[in-house]
């Protein structure tokens, strides 16, 4: 839908993923979209070099999240919200709604 605006469909997918989940790591994003890990890693690094994303380590995983100091963050998220709004429902369900099973009743915590 907006790959022309962001330069590639991979960039669009990464940004929409980040918009919906607020953070993520390369393997998780690659598995979600069935895209090569290398493509996702390159895109994440481009966004990091551009100041849009930053990362921190969570254990051995490099977790990316929005850079709160990025000057156009509010505008970018607003644009992504509008793009997300117009995605087909089946695409939202397939990629952007994590399914988690409810906890079995009576299971110890």
Protein backbone atom coordinates (compact mmCIF):
# COMPACT_ATOMS: atom_id res chain seq x y z
CA UNK A 1 0.00 0.00 0.00
CA UNK A 2 2.69 2.49 0.97
CA UNK A 3 5.87 0.77 -0.17
CA UNK A 4 6.50 3.59 -2.66
CA UNK A 5 6.48 6.06 0.22
CA UNK A 6 8.93 4.06 2.36
CA UNK A 7 11.07 2.74 -0.49
CA UNK A 8 10.35 -0.97 -0.14
CA UNK A 9 7.76 -3.39 1.12
CA UNK A 10 10.22 -4.57 3.77
CA UNK A 11 10.51 -1.05 5.17
CA UNK A 12 6.73 -0.75 5.23
CA UNK A 13 6.36 -4.08 7.05
CA UNK A 14 9.00 -3.22 9.65
CA UNK A 15 7.48 0.18 10.38
CA UNK A 16 3.95 -1.20 10.65
CA UNK A 17 5.18 -3.98 12.92
CA UNK A 18 6.90 -1.41 15.13
CA UNK A 19 3.77 0.75 15.11
CA UNK A 20 1.56 -2.10 16.30
CA UNK A 21 3.92 -3.73 18.83
CA UNK A 22 6.15 -0.75 19.82
CA UNK A 23 9.26 -2.95 19.79
CA UNK A 24 10.59 -6.06 18.13
CA UNK A 25 13.62 -8.03 17.09
CA UNK A 26 14.73 -9.13 13.65
CA UNK A 27 13.90 -12.84 13.92
CA UNK A 28 10.40 -12.15 15.23
CA UNK A 29 9.65 -9.70 12.40
CA UNK A 30 11.14 -12.01 9.74
CA UNK A 31 9.03 -14.96 10.95
CA UNK A 32 5.88 -12.85 11.10
CA UNK A 33 6.13 -11.86 7.43
CA UNK A 34 8.03 -14.91 6.11
CA UNK A 35 10.78 -12.61 4.86
CA UNK A 36 14.50 -13.34 4.96
CA UNK A 37 16.17 -12.41 8.22
CA UNK A 38 18.94 -10.61 6.34
CA UNK A 39 16.46 -8.20 4.69
CA UNK A 40 14.85 -7.37 8.03
CA UNK A 41 18.21 -6.86 9.74
CA UNK A 42 19.36 -4.49 7.00
CA UNK A 43 16.15 -2.50 7.23
CA UNK A 44 16.33 -2.25 11.02
CA UNK A 45 19.92 -1.01 10.76
CA UNK A 46 18.90 1.61 8.17
CA UNK A 47 16.19 2.89 10.50
CA UNK A 48 18.67 2.90 13.36
CA UNK A 49 21.24 4.84 11.31
CA UNK A 50 18.48 7.29 10.36
CA UNK A 51 17.65 7.84 14.02
CA UNK A 52 14.12 6.43 13.79
CA UNK A 53 14.84 3.34 15.89
CA UNK A 54 17.25 2.53 18.69
CA UNK A 55 18.13 -0.81 20.22
CA UNK A 56 19.01 -2.40 23.51
CA UNK A 57 20.00 -5.91 24.43
CA UNK A 58 17.51 -8.12 26.20
CA UNK A 59 19.64 -11.08 27.07
CA UNK A 60 21.26 -12.02 23.76
CA UNK A 61 18.49 -10.45 21.67
CA UNK A 62 18.88 -7.03 20.09
CA UNK A 63 15.48 -5.42 20.68
CA UNK A 64 14.57 -2.41 18.53
CA UNK A 65 12.15 0.31 19.60
CA UNK A 66 11.19 3.85 18.64
CA UNK A 67 13.75 6.56 19.27
CA UNK A 68 11.90 9.05 21.51
CA UNK A 69 14.27 11.80 20.33
CA UNK A 70 13.43 11.38 16.64
CA UNK A 71 12.02 14.81 15.66
CA UNK A 72 9.26 13.46 13.39
CA UNK A 73 8.17 10.53 15.55
CA UNK A 74 4.68 11.89 16.23
CA UNK A 75 4.10 12.57 12.53
CA UNK A 76 5.48 9.18 11.49
CA UNK A 77 3.27 7.34 13.97
CA UNK A 78 0.28 9.37 12.80
CA UNK A 79 0.97 8.38 9.20
CA UNK A 80 1.42 4.73 10.19
CA UNK A 81 -1.87 4.84 12.12
CA UNK A 82 -3.66 6.00 9.00
CA UNK A 83 -1.98 3.32 6.86
CA UNK A 84 -2.86 0.65 9.43
CA UNK A 85 -6.46 1.83 9.52
CA UNK A 86 -6.85 1.13 5.80
CA UNK A 87 -5.21 -2.31 5.80
CA UNK A 88 -7.62 -5.12 4.95
CA UNK A 89 -8.93 -6.92 8.03
CA UNK A 90 -7.52 -10.26 6.90
CA UNK A 91 -4.03 -8.74 6.67
CA UNK A 92 -4.38 -7.25 10.16
CA UNK A 93 -5.40 -10.64 11.56
CA UNK A 94 -2.61 -12.46 9.72
CA UNK A 95 0.28 -10.21 10.69
CA UNK A 96 -0.63 -7.81 13.46
CA UNK A 97 -2.74 -9.69 15.98
CA UNK A 98 -0.73 -12.06 18.12
CA UNK A 99 -2.81 -15.00 19.14
CA UNK A 100 -2.29 -16.14 22.69
CA UNK A 101 -4.26 -18.89 24.28
CA UNK A 102 -5.93 -18.09 27.57
CA UNK A 103 -4.35 -19.64 30.62
CA UNK A 104 -5.89 -22.98 31.50
CA UNK A 105 -8.15 -22.66 34.54
CA UNK A 106 -6.75 -24.22 37.68
CA UNK A 107 -3.18 -24.06 36.38
CA UNK A 108 -0.75 -23.04 39.15
CA UNK A 109 0.94 -19.66 38.73
